[in-house]
Amino acid sequence: MTTPQDHQKVLIVDFGSQVTQLIARRLREASVYCEIHPFQKAEAALTAMNPAAIILSGGPESVHEEGSPRAPQ
């Protein structure tokens, strides 16, 4: 059995998209290890995982709206 350490990891940052689980399933079907984390905890997940790639899975809010979710700077 392989472990996450045996694979390059992908972090999926969930901003509320309806297709986040579908994205993860497609990656896993392609034998890619991935984890989904809410955008509020993305910075901690980024540090802990050290992923090879990051996917930002959007939400229903416009990025131009006041108070919309933002990725860590």
Protein backbone atom coordinates (compact mmCIF):
# COMPACT_ATOMS: atom_id res chain seq x y z
CA MET A 1 0.00 0.00 0.00
CA THR A 2 1.26 3.45 -0.82
CA THR A 3 1.20 6.36 1.57
CA PRO A 4 0.83 10.10 0.91
CA GLN A 5 4.60 10.43 1.37
CA ASP A 6 5.07 8.21 -1.70
CA HIS A 7 3.19 10.64 -3.94
CA GLN A 8 3.39 14.22 -4.99
CA LYS A 9 0.51 15.94 -3.24
CA VAL A 10 -2.13 18.34 -4.51
CA LEU A 11 -3.92 20.76 -2.20
CA ILE A 12 -7.46 21.71 -3.22
CA VAL A 13 -8.51 24.95 -1.54
CA ASP A 14 -12.30 25.02 -1.31
CA PHE A 15 -13.92 28.44 -1.62
CA GLY A 16 -17.42 26.94 -1.68
CA SER A 17 -17.57 25.43 -5.16
CA GLN A 18 -20.16 22.79 -5.94
CA VAL A 19 -17.59 20.79 -7.92
CA THR A 20 -14.77 20.50 -5.37
CA GLN A 21 -15.54 16.85 -4.62
CA LEU A 22 -15.70 16.08 -8.34
CA ILE A 23 -12.27 17.65 -8.87
CA ALA A 24 -10.84 15.52 -6.05
CA ARG A 25 -12.46 12.35 -7.38
CA ARG A 26 -11.05 12.94 -10.88
CA LEU A 27 -7.57 13.49 -9.47
CA ARG A 28 -7.81 10.34 -7.37
CA GLU A 29 -9.01 8.35 -10.39
CA ALA A 30 -5.78 9.49 -12.06
CA SER A 31 -3.83 8.16 -9.02
CA VAL A 32 -3.05 11.64 -7.73
CA TYR A 33 -3.03 12.11 -3.96
CA CYS A 34 -5.04 15.19 -2.99
CA GLU A 35 -6.61 16.77 0.05
CA ILE A 36 -9.46 19.28 0.25
CA HIS A 37 -9.18 22.09 2.79
CA PRO A 38 -11.47 25.09 3.34
CA PHE A 39 -9.95 28.43 2.35
CA GLN A 40 -9.91 29.53 6.01
CA LYS A 41 -7.36 26.77 6.78
CA ALA A 42 -5.44 26.87 3.51
CA GLU A 43 -2.32 28.47 4.94
CA ALA A 44 -1.93 25.76 7.62
CA ALA A 45 -2.58 23.01 5.05
CA LEU A 46 -0.03 24.53 2.68
CA THR A 47 2.62 24.48 5.38
CA ALA A 48 1.76 20.96 6.56
CA MET A 49 1.43 19.34 3.14
CA ASN A 50 4.10 21.09 1.06
CA PRO A 51 2.05 20.27 -2.07
CA ALA A 52 3.42 20.00 -5.59
CA ALA A 53 0.31 21.81 -6.87
CA ILE A 54 -2.59 23.89 -5.57
CA ILE A 55 -6.08 24.02 -7.07
CA LEU A 56 -8.34 26.91 -6.08
CA SER A 57 -11.95 25.72 -6.31
CA GLY A 58 -14.13 28.83 -6.59
CA GLY A 59 -17.34 29.74 -4.84
CA PRO A 60 -20.51 31.65 -5.65
CA GLU A 61 -19.22 35.07 -4.54
CA SER A 62 -17.61 37.50 -6.95
CA VAL A 63 -13.97 38.27 -6.21
CA HIS A 64 -14.87 41.93 -6.64
CA GLU A 65 -17.43 41.96 -3.80
CA GLU A 66 -16.54 43.44 -0.42
CA GLY A 67 -15.79 40.67 2.10
CA SER A 68 -15.49 37.90 -0.49
CA PRO A 69 -13.15 34.99 0.39
CA ARG A 70 -9.50 35.56 -0.43
CA ALA A 71 -6.46 33.33 -0.66
CA PRO A 72 -3.75 34.02 1.94
CA GLN A 73 -1.22 36.63 0.82
